[in-house]
Amino acid sequence: MIQKKKEAPRWRHYNFVTEGAVDDYLYSMLPPRDAVLAEMEDYATEHRIPIVGPAVARVLQQLAMMISARTVFELGSAIGYSTLWWAHAVGEKGRVIYTDGDSRNAERARGYFARAGVSSRITIHTGDALEYLSEQKGEFDIIFNDVDKEDYPRVLRLVSPRLRSGGLFVTDNVLWSGRVAAKNPTDGHTKAILEFNRKLYDSKEFFTTILPIRDGLAVALKK
């Protein structure tokens, strides 16, 4: 009997920047995720909820481990997939702030966090992520940006005073399925990302690199 080749997870392929065969190879190298993360990936696939996926999430966790991060502010958390990876990275004494405008996402995320045993490390905020960040008085080790793309330039203006020296400002979707390379883009999302990328690279406060994995991940070190 000839077995049908297993279809690659749909959440992995949304016409992102990594070539398909290379993408398959990268994902084939990843260790299996635990039951909660695997369920979140399946749910995101079925309901077409954008998540960073395990390849990028592993980069996020590694970045947090590299700087011994204990505090993370996440702008735009959806069902909490990347939040859970951050929570694992910061450890029992760490703190991660989850933000999302959809209360249904927040409630689903709350259930995942409880089952994963990390609820005590996560503060859940439902509402405007940028407004909540602007209210923060202390400094964070990492700020992760994954909100609506048209808000990216606004996020950049808020980040520096709330990020410690040596901390990381990490942003998803900065290559926007390759649309940043188009000549004379007209849509607001692409124009906002182009503005954000240029200002981030030009900033004297950050040392920035864009990693061309999945949809582009900007990693900016605050000087």
Protein backbone atom coordinates (compact mmCIF):
# COMPACT_ATOMS: atom_id res chain seq x y z
CA MET A 1 0.00 0.00 0.00
CA ILE A 2 1.36 3.39 -1.00
CA GLN A 3 1.17 5.91 1.81
CA LYS A 4 0.09 9.41 0.94
CA LYS A 5 2.72 12.00 1.70
CA LYS A 6 1.79 13.96 4.78
CA GLU A 7 0.81 17.54 3.99
CA ALA A 8 2.96 20.23 5.56
CA PRO A 9 1.18 22.34 8.19
CA ARG A 10 -0.75 25.14 6.51
CA TRP A 11 0.23 27.70 9.12
CA ARG A 12 3.80 27.31 7.92
CA HIS A 13 3.21 28.41 4.33
CA TYR A 14 1.50 31.73 3.73
CA ASN A 15 3.78 32.87 0.89
CA PHE A 16 6.45 34.07 3.28
CA VAL A 17 10.00 34.89 2.21
CA THR A 18 11.68 31.53 2.81
CA GLU A 19 11.72 29.26 -0.26
CA GLY A 20 9.42 26.28 0.22
CA ALA A 21 12.01 23.49 0.15
CA VAL A 22 14.30 25.39 2.50
CA ASP A 23 11.34 26.07 4.76
CA ASP A 24 10.52 22.35 4.84
CA TYR A 25 14.10 21.56 5.78
CA LEU A 26 14.17 24.13 8.59
CA TYR A 27 10.98 22.77 10.09
CA SER A 28 12.15 19.17 9.74
CA MET A 29 15.09 20.00 12.02
CA LEU A 30 12.94 21.25 14.89
CA PRO A 31 12.39 19.08 17.96
CA PRO A 32 8.74 18.13 18.65
CA ARG A 33 6.79 20.67 20.68
CA ASP A 34 4.95 19.81 23.85
CA ALA A 35 1.24 18.95 23.79
CA VAL A 36 0.00 22.49 24.50
CA LEU A 37 2.14 24.15 21.82
CA ALA A 38 1.21 21.44 19.30
CA GLU A 39 -2.48 22.01 20.02
CA MET A 40 -2.03 25.76 19.55
CA GLU A 41 -0.36 25.18 16.19
CA ASP A 42 -3.23 22.93 15.07
CA TYR A 43 -5.82 25.48 16.24
CA ALA A 44 -4.01 28.32 14.44
CA THR A 45 -3.91 26.22 11.27
CA GLU A 46 -7.59 25.33 11.40
CA HIS A 47 -8.77 28.87 12.15
CA ARG A 48 -6.08 30.72 10.15
CA ILE A 49 -4.87 32.64 13.18
CA PRO A 50 -1.46 34.22 12.58
CA ILE A 51 1.23 32.86 14.89
CA VAL A 52 4.99 33.11 14.57
CA GLY A 53 5.34 29.33 14.23
CA PRO A 54 7.96 27.15 15.91
CA ALA A 55 11.00 28.15 13.82
CA VAL A 56 10.67 31.83 14.72
CA ALA A 57 9.48 31.04 18.24
CA ARG A 58 12.67 29.10 18.83
CA VAL A 59 14.65 32.19 17.79
CA LEU A 60 12.65 34.28 20.24
CA GLN A 61 13.36 31.90 23.09
CA GLN A 62 17.04 31.77 22.18
CA LEU A 63 17.30 35.57 22.12
CA ALA A 64 15.73 35.76 25.57
CA MET A 65 18.13 33.12 26.89
CA MET A 66 21.14 34.93 25.39
CA ILE A 67 20.50 38.10 27.37
CA SER A 68 19.07 36.34 30.45
CA ALA A 69 15.77 38.16 29.94
CA ARG A 70 13.33 38.19 32.84
CA THR A 71 10.78 40.75 31.60
CA VAL A 72 9.04 40.75 28.22
CA PHE A 73 6.31 43.04 26.90
CA GLU A 74 4.47 41.58 23.94
CA LEU A 75 2.46 43.83 21.64
CA GLY A 76 -0.15 41.72 19.87
CA SER A 77 -0.40 38.22 21.34
CA ALA A 78 -3.44 36.58 19.66
CA ILE A 79 -3.91 33.11 21.21
CA GLY A 80 -0.65 33.43 23.16
CA TYR A 81 1.63 31.14 21.12
CA SER A 82 4.71 33.36 21.22
CA THR A 83 3.77 34.41 24.77
CA LEU A 84 4.13 30.82 25.89
CA TRP A 85 7.61 30.57 24.36
CA TRP A 86 8.63 33.79 26.13
CA ALA A 87 7.24 32.43 29.39
CA HIS A 88 9.36 29.32 29.09
CA ALA A 89 12.41 31.49 28.37
CA VAL A 90 12.11 33.88 31.34
CA GLY A 91 11.71 31.14 33.93
CA GLU A 92 9.67 30.91 37.10
CA LYS A 93 10.73 34.32 38.39
CA GLY A 94 10.19 36.05 35.04
CA ARG A 95 7.27 38.14 33.84
CA VAL A 96 5.64 38.36 30.42
CA ILE A 97 2.89 40.83 29.52
CA TYR A 98 0.32 39.52 27.02
CA THR A 99 -1.76 42.07 25.08
CA ASP A 100 -4.59 41.59 22.61
CA GLY A 101 -7.71 43.49 21.65
CA ASP A 102 -9.90 40.38 21.35
CA SER A 103 -11.25 39.03 24.64
CA ARG A 104 -11.91 35.64 23.03
CA ASN A 105 -8.24 35.32 22.13
CA ALA A 106 -7.32 36.28 25.68
CA GLU A 107 -9.59 33.67 27.23
CA ARG A 108 -8.27 30.95 24.96
CA ALA A 109 -4.71 32.01 25.76
CA ARG A 110 -5.49 31.94 29.48
CA GLY A 111 -6.51 28.30 29.18
CA TYR A 112 -3.33 27.37 27.34
CA PHE A 113 -1.17 29.14 29.92
CA ALA A 114 -2.89 27.30 32.77
CA ARG A 115 -2.41 23.93 31.14
CA ALA A 116 1.25 24.73 30.44
CA GLY A 117 1.78 25.70 34.08
CA VAL A 118 3.03 29.22 33.39
CA SER A 119 0.03 31.39 34.36
CA SER A 120 1.90 32.94 37.29
CA ARG A 121 4.51 34.36 34.89
CA ILE A 122 2.04 36.06 32.55
CA THR A 123 -0.02 39.23 32.95
CA ILE A 124 -2.96 39.30 30.51
CA HIS A 125 -4.16 42.67 29.23
CA THR A 126 -7.13 42.94 26.89
CA GLY A 127 -7.28 46.25 25.04
CA ASP A 128 -5.04 48.64 23.15
CA ALA A 129 -1.47 47.30 23.30
CA LEU A 130 0.20 50.60 22.39
CA GLU A 131 -1.77 52.52 25.00
CA TYR A 132 -0.86 49.95 27.64
CA LEU A 133 2.83 50.13 26.69
CA SER A 134 2.74 53.92 26.94
CA GLU A 135 1.52 53.57 30.53
CA GLN A 136 4.48 51.44 31.61
CA LYS A 137 6.95 53.18 33.92
CA GLY A 138 9.68 50.56 34.19
CA GLU A 139 12.09 49.12 31.62
CA PHE A 140 11.82 45.70 30.00
CA ASP A 141 14.49 43.29 28.80
CA ILE A 142 12.58 42.56 25.59
CA ILE A 143 9.73 44.24 23.75
CA PHE A 144 8.16 42.12 21.00
CA ASN A 145 6.13 43.88 18.33
CA ASP A 146 3.47 42.00 16.35
CA VAL A 147 0.53 44.43 16.17
CA ASP A 148 -1.30 45.77 13.12
CA LYS A 149 1.36 46.76 10.61
CA GLU A 150 0.11 50.30 10.12
CA ASP A 151 0.93 50.90 13.80
CA TYR A 152 4.59 49.90 13.48
CA PRO A 153 5.94 53.48 13.18
CA ARG A 154 3.98 54.45 16.32
CA VAL A 155 5.41 51.49 18.21
CA LEU A 156 8.96 52.58 17.41
CA ARG A 157 8.35 55.95 19.05
CA LEU A 158 7.20 54.26 22.27
CA VAL A 159 9.82 51.57 22.69
CA SER A 160 13.15 53.17 23.58
CA PRO A 161 12.19 54.75 26.93
CA ARG A 162 10.74 51.42 28.06
CA LEU A 163 13.60 49.14 27.07
CA ARG A 164 16.78 48.74 29.10
CA SER A 165 20.21 49.31 27.64
CA GLY A 166 21.31 45.97 26.22
CA GLY A 167 17.68 44.94 25.80
CA LEU A 168 16.10 43.72 22.57
CA PHE A 169 13.33 45.18 20.45
CA VAL A 170 12.08 42.36 18.23
CA THR A 171 9.53 42.80 15.43
CA ASP A 172 7.77 40.23 13.25
CA ASN A 173 6.64 40.49 9.58
CA VAL A 174 9.17 43.13 8.55
CA LEU A 175 9.63 41.62 5.05
CA TRP A 176 5.85 41.32 4.58
CA SER A 177 5.86 38.36 2.17
CA GLY A 178 8.47 40.16 0.06
CA ARG A 179 6.22 43.13 -0.64
CA VAL A 180 8.80 45.47 0.89
CA ALA A 181 10.87 44.88 -2.28
CA ALA A 182 8.09 46.05 -4.62
CA LYS A 183 8.53 49.29 -6.52
CA ASN A 184 6.24 52.12 -5.43
CA PRO A 185 3.95 50.15 -3.06
CA THR A 186 0.58 51.78 -2.48
CA ASP A 187 -1.02 49.79 0.34
CA GLY A 188 -0.82 51.25 3.82
CA HIS A 189 0.59 48.18 5.54
CA THR A 190 3.61 47.89 3.23
CA LYS A 191 4.31 51.62 3.37
CA ALA A 192 4.17 51.54 7.18
CA ILE A 193 6.60 48.61 7.36
CA LEU A 194 8.99 50.33 4.94
CA GLU A 195 8.90 53.47 7.09
CA PHE A 196 9.43 51.42 10.23
CA ASN A 197 12.36 49.45 8.82
CA ARG A 198 14.15 52.54 7.57
CA LYS A 199 13.70 54.46 10.83
CA LEU A 200 14.78 51.46 12.90
CA TYR A 201 17.98 51.03 10.90
CA ASP A 202 18.64 54.78 10.98
CA SER A 203 18.08 55.04 14.73
CA LYS A 204 21.18 55.86 16.75
CA GLU A 205 19.62 54.10 19.74
CA PHE A 206 19.50 50.64 18.15
CA PHE A 207 21.79 48.23 16.35
CA THR A 208 19.47 46.38 13.98
CA THR A 209 19.51 43.27 11.79
CA ILE A 210 16.64 41.75 9.80
CA LEU A 211 16.68 37.96 9.80
CA PRO A 212 15.10 36.58 6.59
CA ILE A 213 13.27 33.73 8.31
CA ARG A 214 9.54 33.12 7.70
CA ASP A 215 8.21 36.67 7.15
CA GLY A 216 11.27 38.60 8.33
CA LEU A 217 12.26 39.18 11.95
CA ALA A 218 13.91 42.46 12.97
CA VAL A 219 16.21 42.18 15.99
CA ALA A 220 17.32 45.54 17.40
CA LEU A 221 19.75 45.84 20.30
CA LYS A 222 19.34 48.98 22.39
CA LYS A 223 22.73 50.60 22.85
